[in-house]
PDB file of N, CA and C in Angstrom:
ATOM      1  N   MET A   1       0.592  -1.272   0.101  1.00  0.00           N
ATOM      2  CA  MET A   1      -0.132  -0.034  -0.016  1.00  0.00           C
ATOM      3  C   MET A   1       0.814   1.527  -0.047  1.00  0.00           C
ATOM      4  N   VAL A   2       1.755   1.232   0.496  1.00  0.00           N
ATOM      5  CA  VAL A   2       2.756   2.246   0.928  1.00  0.00           C
ATOM      6  C   VAL A   2       3.463   2.715  -0.629  1.00  0.00           C
ATOM      7  N   ILE A   3       3.886   1.608  -1.169  1.00  0.00           N
ATOM      8  CA  ILE A   3       4.554   1.813  -2.542  1.00  0.00           C
ATOM      9  C   ILE A   3       3.625   2.296  -3.464  1.00  0.00           C
ATOM     10  N   LYS A   4       2.394   2.068  -3.436  1.00  0.00           N
ATOM     11  CA  LYS A   4       1.288   2.301  -4.618  1.00  0.00           C
ATOM     12  C   LYS A   4       1.067   3.872  -3.938  1.00  0.00           C
ATOM     13  N   VAL A   5       1.177   4.346  -2.835  1.00  0.00           N
ATOM     14  CA  VAL A   5       0.821   5.618  -2.505  1.00  0.00           C
ATOM     15  C   VAL A   5       2.052   6.834  -2.896  1.00  0.00           C
ATOM     16  N   ASP A   6       3.232   6.126  -2.529  1.00  0.00           N
ATOM     17  CA  ASP A   6       4.164   7.033  -3.219  1.00  0.00           C
ATOM     18  C   ASP A   6       4.437   7.002  -4.563  1.00  0.00           C
ATOM     19  N   PHE A   7       4.140   6.301  -5.364  1.00  0.00           N
ATOM     20  CA  PHE A   7       4.256   6.128  -6.879  1.00  0.00           C
ATOM     21  C   PHE A   7       3.366   7.101  -7.305  1.00  0.00           C
ATOM     22  N   ASP A   8       1.868   6.967  -7.005  1.00  0.00           N
ATOM     23  CA  ASP A   8       0.802   7.964  -7.131  1.00  0.00           C
ATOM     24  C   ASP A   8       1.003   9.191  -6.822  1.00  0.00           C
ATOM     25  N   LEU A   9       1.702   9.615  -6.012  1.00  0.00           N
ATOM     26  CA  LEU A   9       1.982  11.116  -5.263  1.00  0.00           C
ATOM     27  C   LEU A   9       3.345  11.535  -6.423  1.00  0.00           C
ATOM     28  N   THR A  10       4.306  10.719  -6.764  1.00  0.00           N
ATOM     29  CA  THR A  10       5.142  11.089  -7.432  1.00  0.00           C
ATOM     30  C   THR A  10       4.978  11.335  -8.827  1.00  0.00           C
ATOM     31  N   MET A  11       3.975  10.650  -9.386  1.00  0.00           N
ATOM     32  CA  MET A  11       3.264  10.695 -10.698  1.00  0.00           C
ATOM     33  C   MET A  11       2.577  11.994 -10.867  1.00  0.00           C
ATOM     34  N   SER A  12       2.020  12.289  -9.642  1.00  0.00           N
ATOM     35  CA  SER A  12       1.125  13.464  -9.725  1.00  0.00           C
ATOM     36  C   SER A  12       1.914  14.699  -9.707  1.00  0.00           C
ATOM     37  N   ILE A  13       2.927  14.653  -8.773  1.00  0.00           N
ATOM     38  CA  ILE A  13       3.880  15.975  -9.042  1.00  0.00           C
ATOM     39  C   ILE A  13       4.643  16.157 -10.165  1.00  0.00           C
ATOM     40  N   LEU A  14       4.950  15.277 -10.755  1.00  0.00           N
ATOM     41  CA  LEU A  14       5.959  14.872 -12.023  1.00  0.00           C
ATOM     42  C   LEU A  14       4.910  15.613 -13.023  1.00  0.00           C
ATOM     43  N   ALA A  15       3.647  15.280 -13.361  1.00  0.00           N
ATOM     44  CA  ALA A  15       2.599  15.591 -14.113  1.00  0.00           C
ATOM     45  C   ALA A  15       2.161  17.080 -13.948  1.00  0.00           C
ATOM     46  N   HIS A  16       2.097  17.532 -12.547  1.00  0.00           N
ATOM     47  CA  HIS A  16       1.959  18.939 -12.513  1.00  0.00           C
ATOM     48  C   HIS A  16       3.297  19.860 -12.949  1.00  0.00           C
ATOM     49  N   ASN A  17       4.127  19.259 -12.716  1.00  0.00           N
ATOM     50  CA  ASN A  17       5.348  19.982 -12.973  1.00  0.00           C
ATOM     51  C   ASN A  17       5.697  20.187 -14.591  1.00  0.00           C
ATOM     52  N   ILE A  18       5.094  18.975 -15.228  1.00  0.00           N
ATOM     53  CA  ILE A  18       5.428  18.945 -16.648  1.00  0.00           C
ATOM     54  C   ILE A  18       4.182  20.047 -17.337  1.00  0.00           C
ATOM     55  N   TYR A  19       3.128  19.889 -16.815  1.00  0.00           N
ATOM     56  CA  TYR A  19       2.265  20.993 -17.286  1.00  0.00           C
ATOM     57  C   TYR A  19       2.596  22.518 -16.735  1.00  0.00           C
ATOM     58  N   ARG A  20       3.367  22.713 -15.833  1.00  0.00           N
ATOM     59  CA  ARG A  20       3.690  24.020 -15.248  1.00  0.00           C
ATOM     60  C   ARG A  20       4.551  24.609 -16.484  1.00  0.00           C
ATOM     61  N   ILE A  21       5.780  23.667 -16.883  1.00  0.00           N
ATOM     62  CA  ILE A  21       6.833  23.832 -17.937  1.00  0.00           C
ATOM     63  C   ILE A  21       6.093  24.116 -19.300  1.00  0.00           C
ATOM     64  N   PHE A  22       5.197  23.639 -19.221  1.00  0.00           N
ATOM     65  CA  PHE A  22       4.284  23.502 -20.674  1.00  0.00           C
ATOM     66  C   PHE A  22       3.689  24.767 -20.789  1.00  0.00           C
ATOM     67  N   SER A  23       3.071  25.355 -19.738  1.00  0.00           N
ATOM     68  CA  SER A  23       2.382  26.686 -19.607  1.00  0.00           C
ATOM     69  C   SER A  23       3.135  27.974 -19.907  1.00  0.00           C
ATOM     70  N   LEU A  24       4.522  27.744 -19.260  1.00  0.00           N
ATOM     71  CA  LEU A  24       5.268  28.639 -19.236  1.00  0.00           C
ATOM     72  C   LEU A  24       5.821  29.261 -20.569  1.00  0.00           C
ATOM     73  N   ASP A  25       5.566  28.589 -21.784  1.00  0.00           N
ATOM     74  CA  ASP A  25       5.840  29.079 -23.233  1.00  0.00           C
ATOM     75  C   ASP A  25       4.488  29.081 -23.817  1.00  0.00           C
ATOM     76  N   LEU A  26       3.331  29.436 -23.434  1.00  0.00           N
ATOM     77  CA  LEU A  26       1.829  29.795 -23.590  1.00  0.00           C
ATOM     78  C   LEU A  26       1.782  31.096 -23.271  1.00  0.00           C
ATOM     79  N   ASP A  27       2.120  32.365 -23.889  1.00  0.00           N
ATOM     80  CA  ASP A  27       1.534  33.366 -23.586  1.00  0.00           C
ATOM     81  C   ASP A  27      -0.055  33.372 -23.167  1.00  0.00           C
ATOM     82  N   GLY A  28      -0.156  33.830 -21.814  1.00  0.00           N
ATOM     83  CA  GLY A  28      -1.458  34.224 -21.188  1.00  0.00           C
ATOM     84  C   GLY A  28      -2.178  32.919 -20.693  1.00  0.00           C
ATOM     85  N   TYR A  29      -0.904  32.025 -20.497  1.00  0.00           N
ATOM     86  CA  TYR A  29      -1.986  30.741 -19.747  1.00  0.00           C
ATOM     87  C   TYR A  29      -0.940  30.146 -18.488  1.00  0.00           C
ATOM     88  N   THR A  30      -0.073  30.837 -18.083  1.00  0.00           N
ATOM     89  CA  THR A  30       0.764  30.373 -17.400  1.00  0.00           C
ATOM     90  C   THR A  30       0.279  30.394 -15.921  1.00  0.00           C
ATOM     91  N   HIS A  31      -0.780  31.174 -15.881  1.00  0.00           N
ATOM     92  CA  HIS A  31      -1.472  30.990 -14.532  1.00  0.00           C
ATOM     93  C   HIS A  31      -2.487  30.029 -14.435  1.00  0.00           C
ATOM     94  N   CYS A  32      -3.181  29.483 -15.388  1.00  0.00           N
ATOM     95  CA  CYS A  32      -4.168  28.202 -15.436  1.00  0.00           C
ATOM     96  C   CYS A  32      -3.464  27.210 -14.800  1.00  0.00           C
ATOM     97  N   GLU A  33      -4.581  26.523 -14.540  1.00  0.00           N
ATOM     98  CA  GLU A  33      -4.694  25.210 -13.803  1.00  0.00           C
ATOM     99  C   GLU A  33      -4.202  24.036 -14.583  1.00  0.00           C
ATOM    100  N   ASP A  34      -3.613  22.900 -14.072  1.00  0.00           N
ATOM    101  CA  ASP A  34      -3.333  21.761 -14.988  1.00  0.00           C
ATOM    102  C   ASP A  34      -4.526  21.254 -16.012  1.00  0.00           C
ATOM    103  N   LYS A  35      -5.703  21.159 -15.173  1.00  0.00           N
ATOM    104  CA  LYS A  35      -7.178  20.722 -15.788  1.00  0.00           C
ATOM    105  C   LYS A  35      -7.009  21.378 -16.926  1.00  0.00           C
ATOM    106  N   THR A  36      -7.381  22.862 -16.624  1.00  0.00           N
ATOM    107  CA  THR A  36      -7.540  24.006 -18.016  1.00  0.00           C
ATOM    108  C   THR A  36      -6.411  23.774 -19.263  1.00  0.00           C
ATOM    109  N   ILE A  37      -4.968  23.419 -18.441  1.00  0.00           N
ATOM    110  CA  ILE A  37      -4.214  23.286 -19.697  1.00  0.00           C
ATOM    111  C   ILE A  37      -4.250  21.783 -20.634  1.00  0.00           C
ATOM    112  N   PHE A  38      -4.648  20.757 -19.646  1.00  0.00           N
ATOM    113  CA  PHE A  38      -5.270  19.748 -20.381  1.00  0.00           C
ATOM    114  C   PHE A  38      -6.505  20.005 -21.321  1.00  0.00           C
ATOM    115  N   GLU A  39      -7.373  20.144 -20.831  1.00  0.00           N
ATOM    116  CA  GLU A  39      -8.818  20.573 -21.983  1.00  0.00           C
ATOM    117  C   GLU A  39      -8.136  21.285 -22.921  1.00  0.00           C
ATOM    118  N   LYS A  40      -7.673  22.314 -22.720  1.00  0.00           N
ATOM    119  CA  LYS A  40      -7.372  23.366 -24.038  1.00  0.00           C
ATOM    120  C   LYS A  40      -6.277  22.944 -24.871  1.00  0.00           C
ATOM    121  N   PHE A  41      -5.117  22.328 -24.564  1.00  0.00           N
ATOM    122  CA  PHE A  41      -4.414  22.128 -25.444  1.00  0.00           C
ATOM    123  C   PHE A  41      -3.628  20.460 -25.398  1.00  0.00           C
ATOM    124  N   ILE A  42      -4.040  19.568 -24.597  1.00  0.00           N
ATOM    125  CA  ILE A  42      -3.653  18.290 -24.945  1.00  0.00           C
ATOM    126  C   ILE A  42      -4.710  17.136 -25.016  1.00  0.00           C
ATOM    127  N   SER A  43      -5.988  17.412 -24.857  1.00  0.00           N
ATOM    128  CA  SER A  43      -7.053  16.561 -24.963  1.00  0.00           C
ATOM    129  C   SER A  43      -7.612  16.816 -26.537  1.00  0.00           C
ATOM    130  N   ASN A  44      -6.999  16.399 -27.355  1.00  0.00           N
ATOM    131  CA  ASN A  44      -7.503  16.601 -28.522  1.00  0.00           C
ATOM    132  C   ASN A  44      -7.169  15.090 -29.923  1.00  0.00           C
ATOM    133  N   ALA A  45      -8.096  15.278 -30.724  1.00  0.00           N
ATOM    134  CA  ALA A  45      -7.945  14.062 -31.558  1.00  0.00           C
ATOM    135  C   ALA A  45      -7.323  14.603 -32.629  1.00  0.00           C
ATOM    136  N   ALA A  46      -6.915  13.513 -33.320  1.00  0.00           N
ATOM    137  CA  ALA A  46      -5.881  13.718 -34.613  1.00  0.00           C
ATOM    138  C   ALA A  46      -5.894  12.686 -35.411  1.00  0.00           C
ATOM    139  N   GLU A  47      -5.788  12.875 -36.487  1.00  0.00           N
ATOM    140  CA  GLU A  47      -5.490  11.995 -37.919  1.00  0.00           C
ATOM    141  C   GLU A  47      -3.870  11.739 -37.830  1.00  0.00           C
ATOM    142  N   THR A  48      -3.451  10.559 -38.042  1.00  0.00           N
ATOM    143  CA  THR A  48      -1.790  10.345 -38.154  1.00  0.00           C
ATOM    144  C   THR A  48      -1.713   9.389 -39.465  1.00  0.00           C
ATOM    145  N   GLU A  49      -0.532  10.237 -40.096  1.00  0.00           N
ATOM    146  CA  GLU A  49      -0.205   9.663 -41.495  1.00  0.00           C
ATOM    147  C   GLU A  49       1.129   9.350 -41.128  1.00  0.00           C
ATOM    148  N   ILE A  50       1.698   8.240 -41.857  1.00  0.00           N
ATOM    149  CA  ILE A  50       2.973   7.656 -41.648  1.00  0.00           C
ATOM    150  C   ILE A  50       3.731   7.242 -42.763  1.00  0.00           C
ATOM    151  N   THR A  51       4.623   8.042 -43.325  1.00  0.00           N
ATOM    152  CA  THR A  51       5.176   7.779 -44.630  1.00  0.00           C
ATOM    153  C   THR A  51       6.730   7.058 -44.616  1.00  0.00           C
ATOM    154  N   GLU A  52       7.417   7.090 -45.772  1.00  0.00           N
ATOM    155  CA  GLU A  52       8.676   6.541 -45.599  1.00  0.00           C
ATOM    156  C   GLU A  52       9.711   7.731 -44.941  1.00  0.00           C
ATOM    157  N   THR A  53       9.340   8.933 -44.673  1.00  0.00           N
ATOM    158  CA  THR A  53      10.039   9.602 -44.193  1.00  0.00           C
ATOM    159  C   THR A  53       9.512  10.814 -43.376  1.00  0.00           C
ATOM    160  N   THR A  54       8.279  10.636 -43.281  1.00  0.00           N
ATOM    161  CA  THR A  54       7.396  11.573 -42.143  1.00  0.00           C
ATOM    162  C   THR A  54       6.534  11.113 -41.157  1.00  0.00           C
ATOM    163  N   ILE A  55       5.754  11.202 -40.228  1.00  0.00           N
ATOM    164  CA  ILE A  55       4.775  11.251 -39.540  1.00  0.00           C
ATOM    165  C   ILE A  55       4.265  12.390 -39.301  1.00  0.00           C
ATOM    166  N   GLU A  56       3.148  12.273 -39.827  1.00  0.00           N
ATOM    167  CA  GLU A  56       2.078  13.767 -39.819  1.00  0.00           C
ATOM    168  C   GLU A  56       0.989  13.798 -38.922  1.00  0.00           C
ATOM    169  N   VAL A  57       0.831  14.404 -37.946  1.00  0.00           N
ATOM    170  CA  VAL A  57       0.310  14.286 -36.996  1.00  0.00           C
ATOM    171  C   VAL A  57      -1.159  15.632 -37.280  1.00  0.00           C
ATOM    172  N   ARG A  58      -2.400  15.570 -37.562  1.00  0.00           N
ATOM    173  CA  ARG A  58      -3.319  16.465 -38.274  1.00  0.00           C
ATOM    174  C   ARG A  58      -4.179  16.566 -37.089  1.00  0.00           C
ATOM    175  N   LEU A  59      -4.176  17.454 -36.240  1.00  0.00           N
ATOM    176  CA  LEU A  59      -4.743  17.935 -34.985  1.00  0.00           C
ATOM    177  C   LEU A  59      -6.346  18.623 -35.059  1.00  0.00           C
ATOM    178  N   LYS A  60      -7.141  18.028 -34.594  1.00  0.00           N
ATOM    179  CA  LYS A  60      -8.678  18.528 -34.538  1.00  0.00           C
ATOM    180  C   LYS A  60      -8.641  20.104 -34.383  1.00  0.00           C
ATOM    181  N   ARG A  61      -9.064  20.851 -35.085  1.00  0.00           N
ATOM    182  CA  ARG A  61      -9.137  22.397 -34.951  1.00  0.00           C
ATOM    183  C   ARG A  61     -10.056  22.651 -33.784  1.00  0.00           C
ATOM    184  N   LYS A  62      -9.291  23.545 -32.793  1.00  0.00           N
ATOM    185  CA  LYS A  62      -9.897  23.906 -31.525  1.00  0.00           C
ATOM    186  C   LYS A  62      -9.194  25.510 -31.770  1.00  0.00           C
ATOM    187  N   ARG A  63      -9.946  26.190 -30.630  1.00  0.00           N
ATOM    188  CA  ARG A  63      -9.669  27.574 -30.500  1.00  0.00           C
ATOM    189  C   ARG A  63      -8.249  27.958 -30.329  1.00  0.00           C
ATOM    190  N   ASN A  64      -7.648  27.415 -29.368  1.00  0.00           N
ATOM    191  CA  ASN A  64      -6.303  27.220 -28.833  1.00  0.00           C
ATOM    192  C   ASN A  64      -5.115  26.638 -29.882  1.00  0.00           C
ATOM    193  N   LEU A  65      -5.429  26.036 -31.093  1.00  0.00           N
ATOM    194  CA  LEU A  65      -4.644  25.345 -31.914  1.00  0.00           C
ATOM    195  C   LEU A  65      -4.006  26.054 -32.383  1.00  0.00           C
ATOM    196  N   PRO A  66      -4.046  27.147 -33.054  1.00  0.00           N
ATOM    197  CA  PRO A  66      -3.007  28.108 -33.578  1.00  0.00           C
ATOM    198  C   PRO A  66      -1.641  28.713 -32.471  1.00  0.00           C
ATOM    199  N   LEU A  67      -2.139  28.629 -31.300  1.00  0.00           N
ATOM    200  CA  LEU A  67      -1.024  29.046 -30.383  1.00  0.00           C
ATOM    201  C   LEU A  67      -0.206  27.935 -30.032  1.00  0.00           C
ATOM    202  N   LEU A  68      -0.830  26.736 -30.395  1.00  0.00           N
ATOM    203  CA  LEU A  68       0.078  25.380 -29.969  1.00  0.00           C
ATOM    204  C   LEU A  68       0.884  24.931 -31.084  1.00  0.00           C
ATOM    205  N   LEU A  69       0.591  24.995 -32.259  1.00  0.00           N
ATOM    206  CA  LEU A  69       1.129  24.837 -33.391  1.00  0.00           C
ATOM    207  C   LEU A  69       2.141  25.916 -33.468  1.00  0.00           C
ATOM    208  N   GLU A  70       1.759  27.171 -33.137  1.00  0.00           N
ATOM    209  CA  GLU A  70       3.249  28.410 -33.369  1.00  0.00           C
ATOM    210  C   GLU A  70       4.205  27.624 -32.399  1.00  0.00           C
ATOM    211  N   ASN A  71       4.068  27.518 -30.970  1.00  0.00           N
ATOM    212  CA  ASN A  71       5.163  27.142 -30.146  1.00  0.00           C
ATOM    213  C   ASN A  71       6.002  26.137 -30.618  1.00  0.00           C
ATOM    214  N   MET A  72       4.995  24.898 -31.391  1.00  0.00           N
ATOM    215  CA  MET A  72       5.639  23.679 -31.790  1.00  0.00           C
ATOM    216  C   MET A  72       6.670  23.897 -32.861  1.00  0.00           C
ATOM    217  N   ASN A  73       6.617  25.289 -33.690  1.00  0.00           N
ATOM    218  CA  ASN A  73       7.258  25.372 -34.734  1.00  0.00           C
ATOM    219  C   ASN A  73       8.873  25.531 -34.413  1.00  0.00           C
ATOM    220  N   GLU A  74       9.381  25.548 -33.337  1.00  0.00           N
ATOM    221  CA  GLU A  74      10.551  25.253 -32.750  1.00  0.00           C
ATOM    222  C   GLU A  74      11.205  23.900 -33.222  1.00  0.00           C
ATOM    223  N   PHE A  75      10.253  22.888 -33.351  1.00  0.00           N
ATOM    224  CA  PHE A  75      10.636  21.530 -33.050  1.00  0.00           C
ATOM    225  C   PHE A  75      10.737  21.195 -34.721  1.00  0.00           C
ATOM    226  N   LYS A  76       9.973  21.964 -35.626  1.00  0.00           N
ATOM    227  CA  LYS A  76      10.176  21.648 -37.033  1.00  0.00           C
ATOM    228  C   LYS A  76      11.520  20.905 -37.596  1.00  0.00           C
ATOM    229  N   SER A  77      12.439  21.077 -37.443  1.00  0.00           N
ATOM    230  CA  SER A  77      13.904  20.160 -37.888  1.00  0.00           C
ATOM    231  C   SER A  77      14.177  19.075 -36.939  1.00  0.00           C
ATOM    232  N   VAL A  78      13.680  18.957 -35.858  1.00  0.00           N
ATOM    233  CA  VAL A  78      14.050  17.668 -35.124  1.00  0.00           C
ATOM    234  C   VAL A  78      13.632  16.348 -35.507  1.00  0.00           C
ATOM    235  N   ARG A  79      14.558  15.589 -35.401  1.00  0.00           N
ATOM    236  CA  ARG A  79      14.560  14.252 -35.819  1.00  0.00           C
ATOM    237  C   ARG A  79      14.721  13.515 -34.653  1.00  0.00           C
ATOM    238  N   PHE A  80      13.730  12.517 -34.358  1.00  0.00           N
ATOM    239  CA  PHE A  80      13.695  11.385 -33.303  1.00  0.00           C
ATOM    240  C   PHE A  80      14.289  10.209 -33.682  1.00  0.00           C
ATOM    241  N   SER A  81      15.651   9.888 -32.656  1.00  0.00           N
ATOM    242  CA  SER A  81      16.015   8.510 -33.026  1.00  0.00           C
ATOM    243  C   SER A  81      15.195   7.563 -32.733  1.00  0.00           C
ATOM    244  N   TRP A  82      13.874   7.502 -31.969  1.00  0.00           N
ATOM    245  CA  TRP A  82      13.316   6.642 -31.779  1.00  0.00           C
ATOM    246  C   TRP A  82      12.358   6.362 -32.690  1.00  0.00           C
ATOM    247  N   PHE A  83      12.232   7.347 -33.501  1.00  0.00           N
ATOM    248  CA  PHE A  83      11.132   7.197 -34.796  1.00  0.00           C
ATOM    249  C   PHE A  83      11.776   6.920 -35.856  1.00  0.00           C
ATOM    250  N   ASP A  84      13.250   6.416 -35.976  1.00  0.00           N
ATOM    251  CA  ASP A  84      14.128   6.046 -36.841  1.00  0.00           C
ATOM    252  C   ASP A  84      14.254   7.117 -37.806  1.00  0.00           C
ATOM    253  N   LYS A  85      14.410   8.393 -37.246  1.00  0.00           N
ATOM    254  CA  LYS A  85      14.890   9.635 -37.688  1.00  0.00           C
ATOM    255  C   LYS A  85      13.756  10.147 -38.684  1.00  0.00           C
ATOM    256  N   LEU A  86      12.334   9.424 -38.471  1.00  0.00           N
ATOM    257  CA  LEU A  86      11.329  10.345 -39.359  1.00  0.00           C
ATOM    258  C   LEU A  86      11.215  11.833 -38.802  1.00  0.00           C
ATOM    259  N   LYS A  87      10.825  12.541 -39.738  1.00  0.00           N
ATOM    260  CA  LYS A  87      10.328  14.004 -39.309  1.00  0.00           C
ATOM    261  C   LYS A  87       8.983  13.923 -38.988  1.00  0.00           C
ATOM    262  N   LEU A  88       8.849  14.599 -37.502  1.00  0.00           N
ATOM    263  CA  LEU A  88       7.379  14.889 -37.409  1.00  0.00           C
ATOM    264  C   LEU A  88       6.547  16.037 -37.201  1.00  0.00           C
ATOM    265  N   ILE A  89       5.833  15.964 -38.115  1.00  0.00           N
ATOM    266  CA  ILE A  89       4.967  17.103 -38.294  1.00  0.00           C
ATOM    267  C   ILE A  89       3.678  17.103 -37.757  1.00  0.00           C
ATOM    268  N   PHE A  90       3.197  18.264 -36.924  1.00  0.00           N
ATOM    269  CA  PHE A  90       1.871  18.714 -36.447  1.00  0.00           C
ATOM    270  C   PHE A  90       1.411  19.790 -37.417  1.00  0.00           C
ATOM    271  N   SER A  91       0.159  19.770 -37.531  1.00  0.00           N
ATOM    272  CA  SER A  91      -0.871  20.627 -38.469  1.00  0.00           C
ATOM    273  C   SER A  91      -2.127  20.518 -38.024  1.00  0.00           C
ATOM    274  N   ALA A  92      -2.895  21.657 -38.673  1.00  0.00           N
ATOM    275  CA  ALA A  92      -4.182  21.676 -38.059  1.00  0.00           C
ATOM    276  C   ALA A  92      -4.551  21.020 -39.362  1.00  0.00           C
ATOM    277  N   SER A  93      -5.811  20.177 -38.778  1.00  0.00           N
ATOM    278  CA  SER A  93      -6.923  19.001 -39.921  1.00  0.00           C
ATOM    279  C   SER A  93      -7.736  20.270 -40.798  1.00  0.00           C
ATOM    280  N   ILE A  94      -8.176  19.515 -41.430  1.00  0.00           N
ATOM    281  CA  ILE A  94      -8.768  20.355 -42.508  1.00  0.00           C
ATOM    282  C   ILE A  94     -10.427  20.160 -42.240  1.00  0.00           C
ATOM    283  N   THR A  95     -10.525  19.088 -41.329  1.00  0.00           N
ATOM    284  CA  THR A  95     -11.900  18.751 -41.030  1.00  0.00           C
ATOM    285  C   THR A  95     -11.784  19.292 -39.570  1.00  0.00           C
ATOM    286  N   THR A  96     -13.225  18.995 -38.984  1.00  0.00           N
ATOM    287  CA  THR A  96     -13.362  19.785 -37.526  1.00  0.00           C
ATOM    288  C   THR A  96     -13.906  18.294 -36.745  1.00  0.00           C
TER     289      THR A  96
END
């Protein structure tokens, strides 16, 4: 029982801190609670297409999506080794 409580508390604190760091890059959202950040930016459906050179994630249109995509522009040229060096592209879906 003690191990489960310790693990749950550790994961909760870790998640809280990750949301805080994420919100620091979002102008006007640094004061928001974790639940608000999750609902406005993280909780979103997407279509994914994998080709030989790219992984494209087309996120469902939401009010705050342009701000999220703008902040993700700095990662445009990053290639991840665990994706076999495929380029990861985030964009807005043409459907809602």
